[in-house]
Amino acid sequence: MSNATLAEDAPHRPAASRFLVIAGAAGALLLPVSAGAALLAGVALGLTVGNPWSRRTPRIAQRLLAASVVALGAGMDLRVVARVGVNGLGYTAAGITLALVLGSWLGGRLGVARDTSLLLSVGTAICGGSAIAAVAPVIGAKARDVSAAIIVVFVLNALALFLFPAIGHALQLSQRAFGLWAALAIHDTSSVVGAAAAYGREALDVATAAKLARALWIVPVALGVAALRARAAGARPQTRPNRPWFIAGFLLAAALVTYVPALRPAGHLVASGAHRLLALTLFLIGLGLSRAGLRELGIRPLVLAVALWVVLASASLGAIRIGLIG
């Protein structure tokens, strides 16, 4: 991105705010700060000095997240990824169904707009902002509905980065159990990876594999929603959902280090760099939270999202504790 482009995106921002954002981004990338600390730094700057490049950073963050996930694959064993994905088909389908049905019912009870309710349900069920972005165009969601869903998911993801490791330690969850729980109960891939990385290496491996297997459901769920909406309207769906191509990159990277032993040392270096890239990604995501966005949100979508989150997180944790999942 050129300096001229950045300047056009933030013509009225003081030089100090631009300096602070650039310094924060550099610190998140180069210093050994945690993913949670990087997110909080982004939130603090977003709510105080503001984001001088608010139109650009969401797209940059999306690309960096995809690159981070692909790089994380270089440090994983593809056999673990495949095993987690196959074993999780049943409870993943059950969890997504529960989220969609419960979200529709609760949304109606709370008076939340239908599209906002559906976007929050899909985001909770699959992978947060990525699922919301995939489903929004197929239902023709308005900008305010998409913004409300994204802001709510953002807030809950920020909380999850700190709450989940604390709860996991308090309950003395094993590394594997925590990794599964994080993948099932935290919305966005970035926060799943951040929380699991704070818990331990095995938790990170399990959580990343399980979350990416869950993210594969974006496409069939989006297509199903499009078909149902089109049938109700008596028309054929015109828009295809965004496809999470980064999953293919993750699988390819994992396959290379799994079946070409000579690449494993380099793979571990790449995976280590992915953690720094993830911290930068979360910093940029944090910048997206503004005071105006918080004011416009309203309480009902937040109540719906928290209720869905608590139910699904509790159900998945209970199933893991009694051995139904794992």
Protein backbone atom coordinates (compact mmCIF):
# COMPACT_ATOMS: atom_id res chain seq x y z
CA MET A 1 0.00 0.00 0.00
CA SER A 2 1.48 3.36 -1.00
CA ASN A 3 1.92 6.35 1.32
CA ALA A 4 -0.37 8.35 -0.97
CA THR A 5 -3.14 5.77 -0.59
CA LEU A 6 -2.80 5.79 3.19
CA ALA A 7 -2.88 9.57 3.26
CA GLU A 8 -6.07 9.63 1.18
CA ASP A 9 -7.69 7.25 3.66
CA ALA A 10 -6.90 9.52 6.62
CA PRO A 11 -6.72 13.11 5.38
CA HIS A 12 -8.00 14.72 8.58
CA ARG A 13 -6.27 12.59 11.20
CA PRO A 14 -3.52 14.23 13.25
CA ALA A 15 -0.02 13.01 12.53
CA ALA A 16 0.17 11.80 16.15
CA SER A 17 -2.65 9.29 15.66
CA ARG A 18 -1.01 7.92 12.52
CA PHE A 19 2.31 7.63 14.33
CA LEU A 20 0.71 5.79 17.28
CA VAL A 21 -1.06 3.31 15.03
CA ILE A 22 2.09 2.62 13.01
CA ALA A 23 4.12 2.23 16.21
CA GLY A 24 1.51 -0.10 17.68
CA ALA A 25 1.46 -2.24 14.56
CA ALA A 26 5.25 -2.46 14.54
CA GLY A 27 5.28 -3.41 18.21
CA ALA A 28 2.66 -6.13 17.71
CA LEU A 29 4.68 -7.60 14.85
CA LEU A 30 8.21 -7.30 16.23
CA LEU A 31 7.94 -7.44 20.02
CA PRO A 32 7.13 -10.59 22.06
CA VAL A 33 3.67 -9.38 23.07
CA SER A 34 0.76 -11.78 23.44
CA ALA A 35 -2.19 -11.86 21.07
CA GLY A 36 -4.43 -10.55 23.85
CA ALA A 37 -2.13 -7.61 24.58
CA ALA A 38 -2.01 -6.73 20.88
CA LEU A 39 -5.80 -6.80 20.68
CA LEU A 40 -6.16 -4.57 23.75
CA ALA A 41 -3.64 -2.10 22.32
CA GLY A 42 -5.66 -1.91 19.11
CA VAL A 43 -8.91 -1.42 21.03
CA ALA A 44 -7.35 1.32 23.17
CA LEU A 45 -6.14 3.23 20.13
CA GLY A 46 -9.40 2.68 18.25
CA LEU A 47 -11.45 4.13 21.11
CA THR A 48 -9.11 7.06 21.82
CA VAL A 49 -7.17 8.39 18.84
CA GLY A 50 -9.25 6.44 16.30
CA ASN A 51 -8.17 4.44 13.27
CA PRO A 52 -6.75 6.76 10.59
CA TRP A 53 -7.06 4.04 7.94
CA SER A 54 -10.44 2.60 8.89
CA ARG A 55 -11.38 1.72 5.31
CA ARG A 56 -8.16 -0.19 4.68
CA THR A 57 -7.30 -2.05 7.87
CA PRO A 58 -10.28 -4.49 7.83
CA ARG A 59 -9.19 -5.81 4.43
CA ILE A 60 -5.56 -5.95 5.50
CA ALA A 61 -6.50 -7.82 8.69
CA GLN A 62 -8.52 -10.34 6.70
CA ARG A 63 -5.57 -11.07 4.42
CA LEU A 64 -3.13 -11.26 7.34
CA LEU A 65 -5.42 -13.69 9.16
CA ALA A 66 -5.48 -15.94 6.11
CA ALA A 67 -1.68 -15.78 5.86
CA SER A 68 -1.33 -16.50 9.59
CA VAL A 69 -3.52 -19.58 9.36
CA VAL A 70 -1.61 -20.90 6.34
CA ALA A 71 1.69 -20.34 8.17
CA LEU A 72 0.39 -22.12 11.27
CA GLY A 73 -0.19 -25.17 9.07
CA ALA A 74 3.57 -25.40 8.57
CA GLY A 75 3.92 -26.37 12.22
CA MET A 76 1.22 -29.03 12.35
CA ASP A 77 0.84 -32.70 11.56
CA LEU A 78 -1.77 -33.26 8.84
CA ARG A 79 -2.70 -36.60 10.39
CA VAL A 80 -3.88 -34.75 13.52
CA VAL A 81 -5.88 -32.30 11.39
CA ALA A 82 -7.59 -35.13 9.50
CA ARG A 83 -8.38 -37.09 12.64
CA VAL A 84 -9.90 -34.09 14.43
CA GLY A 85 -11.95 -33.12 11.37
CA VAL A 86 -13.42 -36.58 10.81
CA ASN A 87 -14.12 -37.20 14.49
CA GLY A 88 -15.89 -33.86 14.80
CA LEU A 89 -18.45 -34.22 12.02
CA GLY A 90 -21.29 -35.26 14.30
CA TYR A 91 -20.95 -32.71 17.07
CA THR A 92 -20.12 -29.93 14.60
CA ALA A 93 -23.36 -30.54 12.71
CA ALA A 94 -25.29 -30.70 15.99
CA GLY A 95 -23.73 -27.47 17.28
CA ILE A 96 -24.44 -25.54 14.08
CA THR A 97 -28.05 -26.76 14.02
CA LEU A 98 -28.55 -25.80 17.67
CA ALA A 99 -27.11 -22.32 17.09
CA LEU A 100 -29.27 -21.61 14.05
CA VAL A 101 -32.51 -22.88 15.60
CA LEU A 102 -31.92 -21.25 18.98
CA GLY A 103 -30.76 -18.00 17.37
CA SER A 104 -33.88 -17.78 15.22
CA TRP A 105 -36.16 -18.40 18.20
CA LEU A 106 -34.37 -16.03 20.58
CA GLY A 107 -34.06 -13.35 17.92
CA GLY A 108 -37.81 -13.39 17.41
CA ARG A 109 -38.44 -13.21 21.14
CA LEU A 110 -36.05 -10.29 21.61
CA GLY A 111 -37.25 -8.38 18.57
CA VAL A 112 -33.86 -8.47 16.84
CA ALA A 113 -33.98 -7.84 13.08
CA ARG A 114 -34.18 -11.11 11.14
CA ASP A 115 -30.96 -10.59 9.20
CA THR A 116 -29.02 -9.49 12.28
CA SER A 117 -30.28 -12.54 14.15
CA LEU A 118 -29.26 -14.89 11.34
CA LEU A 119 -25.81 -13.32 10.98
CA LEU A 120 -25.17 -13.58 14.72
CA SER A 121 -26.35 -17.20 14.74
CA VAL A 122 -24.12 -18.16 11.82
CA GLY A 123 -21.18 -16.28 13.31
CA THR A 124 -21.62 -18.07 16.63
CA ALA A 125 -22.12 -21.45 15.00
CA ILE A 126 -19.15 -21.47 12.62
CA CYS A 127 -16.38 -18.89 12.68
CA GLY A 128 -17.50 -15.40 13.57
CA GLY A 129 -16.71 -12.61 11.14
CA SER A 130 -15.74 -14.95 8.29
CA ALA A 131 -19.12 -16.68 8.40
CA ILE A 132 -20.93 -13.35 8.69
CA ALA A 133 -19.05 -12.01 5.66
CA ALA A 134 -19.91 -15.13 3.66
CA VAL A 135 -23.62 -15.17 4.50
CA ALA A 136 -24.31 -11.40 4.35
CA PRO A 137 -24.30 -11.11 0.54
CA VAL A 138 -26.43 -14.20 -0.05
CA ILE A 139 -29.24 -12.76 2.09
CA GLY A 140 -28.77 -9.16 0.93
CA ALA A 141 -28.09 -7.98 4.47
CA LYS A 142 -27.99 -4.24 5.03
CA ALA A 143 -24.79 -2.56 6.15
CA ARG A 144 -26.19 -1.77 9.60
CA ASP A 145 -27.12 -5.44 10.20
CA VAL A 146 -23.66 -6.60 9.17
CA SER A 147 -21.99 -3.91 11.29
CA ALA A 148 -24.05 -4.83 14.35
CA ALA A 149 -23.17 -8.51 14.02
CA ILE A 150 -19.47 -7.81 13.46
CA ILE A 151 -19.23 -5.46 16.45
CA VAL A 152 -20.95 -7.93 18.79
CA VAL A 153 -18.76 -10.80 17.66
CA PHE A 154 -15.70 -8.59 18.05
CA VAL A 155 -16.56 -7.74 21.65
CA LEU A 156 -17.18 -11.38 22.56
CA ASN A 157 -13.96 -12.49 20.86
CA ALA A 158 -12.01 -9.94 22.89
CA LEU A 159 -13.54 -11.30 26.09
CA ALA A 160 -12.88 -14.90 25.06
CA LEU A 161 -9.14 -14.29 24.73
CA PHE A 162 -8.96 -13.69 28.48
CA LEU A 163 -11.94 -15.60 29.90
CA PHE A 164 -11.38 -18.97 28.27
CA PRO A 165 -7.79 -19.65 29.43
CA ALA A 166 -8.76 -18.55 32.95
CA ILE A 167 -11.80 -20.86 32.98
CA GLY A 168 -9.75 -23.70 31.50
CA HIS A 169 -7.13 -23.44 34.22
CA ALA A 170 -9.77 -23.12 36.94
CA LEU A 171 -11.46 -26.31 35.72
CA GLN A 172 -8.09 -28.02 35.14
CA LEU A 173 -8.96 -28.88 31.55
CA SER A 174 -6.40 -30.92 29.67
CA GLN A 175 -4.63 -29.38 26.69
CA ARG A 176 -6.75 -31.42 24.28
CA ALA A 177 -10.01 -30.65 26.07
CA PHE A 178 -9.31 -26.92 26.11
CA GLY A 179 -8.33 -26.92 22.44
CA LEU A 180 -11.61 -28.58 21.47
CA TRP A 181 -13.65 -26.28 23.69
CA ALA A 182 -11.98 -23.16 22.30
CA ALA A 183 -12.63 -24.31 18.72
CA LEU A 184 -16.28 -25.06 19.45
CA ALA A 185 -17.14 -22.05 21.61
CA ILE A 186 -15.05 -19.08 20.45
CA HIS A 187 -16.24 -17.29 17.33
CA ASP A 188 -13.31 -16.13 15.19
CA THR A 189 -10.32 -18.23 14.18
CA SER A 190 -7.97 -15.47 15.35
CA SER A 191 -9.30 -15.54 18.91
CA VAL A 192 -9.41 -19.35 18.96
CA VAL A 193 -5.75 -19.44 18.04
CA GLY A 194 -4.88 -16.67 20.49
CA ALA A 195 -6.65 -18.29 23.45
CA ALA A 196 -5.29 -21.75 22.66
CA ALA A 197 -1.74 -20.43 22.23
CA ALA A 198 -1.98 -18.90 25.70
CA TYR A 199 -3.03 -22.29 27.10
CA GLY A 200 -0.34 -24.48 25.53
CA ARG A 201 1.17 -26.00 22.39
CA GLU A 202 -1.05 -29.09 22.29
CA ALA A 203 -4.14 -26.97 22.86
CA LEU A 204 -3.09 -24.77 19.95
CA ASP A 205 -2.64 -27.73 17.60
CA VAL A 206 -6.00 -29.26 18.50
CA ALA A 207 -7.87 -25.94 18.46
CA THR A 208 -6.50 -24.88 15.08
CA ALA A 209 -7.31 -28.22 13.46
CA ALA A 210 -10.81 -28.36 14.95
CA LYS A 211 -11.62 -24.74 14.10
CA LEU A 212 -10.51 -25.05 10.50
CA ALA A 213 -12.53 -28.24 10.12
CA ARG A 214 -15.51 -26.30 11.46
CA ALA A 215 -14.83 -23.39 9.11
CA LEU A 216 -15.32 -25.74 6.16
CA TRP A 217 -19.03 -25.55 6.95
CA ILE A 218 -19.17 -21.91 5.80
CA VAL A 219 -19.84 -22.83 2.20
CA PRO A 220 -22.63 -25.45 2.65
CA VAL A 221 -24.36 -23.36 5.33
CA ALA A 222 -24.21 -20.20 3.19
CA LEU A 223 -25.52 -22.08 0.17
CA GLY A 224 -28.29 -23.61 2.28
CA VAL A 225 -29.32 -20.22 3.64
CA ALA A 226 -29.32 -18.78 0.11
CA ALA A 227 -31.50 -21.64 -1.16
CA LEU A 228 -34.00 -21.27 1.70
CA ARG A 229 -34.26 -17.51 1.26
CA ALA A 230 -34.65 -17.89 -2.50
CA ARG A 231 -37.34 -20.54 -2.10
CA ALA A 232 -39.24 -18.28 0.29
CA ALA A 233 -38.98 -15.43 -2.21
CA GLY A 234 -39.73 -17.62 -5.21
CA ALA A 235 -36.40 -16.88 -6.89
CA ARG A 236 -33.05 -18.50 -7.53
CA PRO A 237 -30.03 -17.44 -5.47
CA GLN A 238 -27.78 -15.09 -7.43
CA THR A 239 -24.81 -14.71 -5.11
CA ARG A 240 -22.22 -17.30 -4.20
CA PRO A 241 -20.70 -17.26 -0.71
CA ASN A 242 -17.11 -16.34 -0.13
CA ARG A 243 -15.01 -19.48 0.07
CA PRO A 244 -12.39 -19.82 2.82
CA TRP A 245 -9.47 -20.61 0.48
CA PHE A 246 -6.97 -20.16 3.32
CA ILE A 247 -8.05 -23.57 4.61
CA ALA A 248 -6.62 -25.17 1.47
CA GLY A 249 -3.35 -23.33 2.09
CA PHE A 250 -3.29 -24.54 5.69
CA LEU A 251 -3.83 -28.14 4.60
CA LEU A 252 -1.14 -27.88 1.92
CA ALA A 253 1.41 -26.45 4.37
CA ALA A 254 0.58 -29.16 6.92
CA ALA A 255 0.86 -31.87 4.26
CA LEU A 256 4.30 -30.65 3.17
CA VAL A 257 5.82 -30.73 6.66
CA THR A 258 4.06 -33.99 7.50
CA TYR A 259 5.19 -36.00 4.49
CA VAL A 260 8.48 -34.22 3.62
CA PRO A 261 10.55 -34.53 6.84
CA ALA A 262 13.32 -32.30 5.49
CA LEU A 263 10.90 -29.36 5.54
CA ARG A 264 9.97 -29.67 9.21
CA PRO A 265 12.67 -27.37 10.66
CA ALA A 266 11.72 -24.64 8.19
CA GLY A 267 8.05 -25.32 8.92
CA HIS A 268 8.54 -24.70 12.62
CA LEU A 269 10.23 -21.36 11.87
CA VAL A 270 7.33 -20.37 9.63
CA ALA A 271 4.82 -21.40 12.29
CA SER A 272 6.70 -19.34 14.88
CA GLY A 273 6.48 -16.30 12.60
CA ALA A 274 2.74 -16.92 12.27
CA HIS A 275 2.26 -16.01 15.93
CA ARG A 276 3.77 -12.57 15.34
CA LEU A 277 1.60 -12.12 12.27
CA LEU A 278 -1.43 -13.13 14.30
CA ALA A 279 -0.61 -10.51 16.96
CA LEU A 280 -0.48 -7.85 14.22
CA THR A 281 -3.79 -9.12 12.85
CA LEU A 282 -5.47 -8.81 16.24
CA PHE A 283 -4.04 -5.33 16.71
CA LEU A 284 -5.61 -4.25 13.42
CA ILE A 285 -8.90 -5.93 14.35
CA GLY A 286 -8.87 -4.04 17.65
CA LEU A 287 -8.54 -0.76 15.76
CA GLY A 288 -11.92 -1.49 14.19
CA LEU A 289 -13.82 -0.89 17.42
CA SER A 290 -14.96 2.74 17.52
CA ARG A 291 -17.04 4.80 19.92
CA ALA A 292 -19.57 5.48 17.17
CA GLY A 293 -19.94 1.76 16.51
CA LEU A 294 -20.55 1.06 20.18
CA ARG A 295 -23.18 3.81 20.40
CA GLU A 296 -25.10 2.51 17.38
CA LEU A 297 -25.08 -1.12 18.44
CA GLY A 298 -28.03 -1.25 20.83
CA ILE A 299 -28.52 -3.82 23.58
CA ARG A 300 -30.76 -6.45 21.95
CA PRO A 301 -28.25 -7.92 19.47
CA LEU A 302 -25.71 -8.11 22.29
CA VAL A 303 -28.19 -9.93 24.56
CA LEU A 304 -28.96 -12.41 21.77
CA ALA A 305 -25.29 -13.04 21.03
CA VAL A 306 -24.35 -13.48 24.69
CA ALA A 307 -27.26 -15.88 25.26
CA LEU A 308 -26.26 -17.97 22.23
CA TRP A 309 -22.63 -17.92 23.30
CA VAL A 310 -23.34 -19.00 26.88
CA VAL A 311 -25.62 -21.84 25.79
CA LEU A 312 -23.24 -23.21 23.16
CA ALA A 313 -20.12 -22.76 25.30
CA SER A 314 -21.78 -24.47 28.27
CA ALA A 315 -23.19 -27.31 26.15
CA SER A 316 -19.87 -27.98 24.42
CA LEU A 317 -17.92 -27.81 27.68
CA GLY A 318 -20.36 -30.19 29.35
CA ALA A 319 -20.13 -32.63 26.44
CA ILE A 320 -16.33 -32.54 26.58
CA ARG A 321 -16.27 -33.06 30.36
CA ILE A 322 -18.49 -36.16 30.23
CA GLY A 323 -16.68 -37.60 27.23
CA LEU A 324 -19.29 -37.10 24.50
CA ILE A 325 -16.82 -34.95 22.56
CA GLY A 326 -13.14 -35.74 22.30
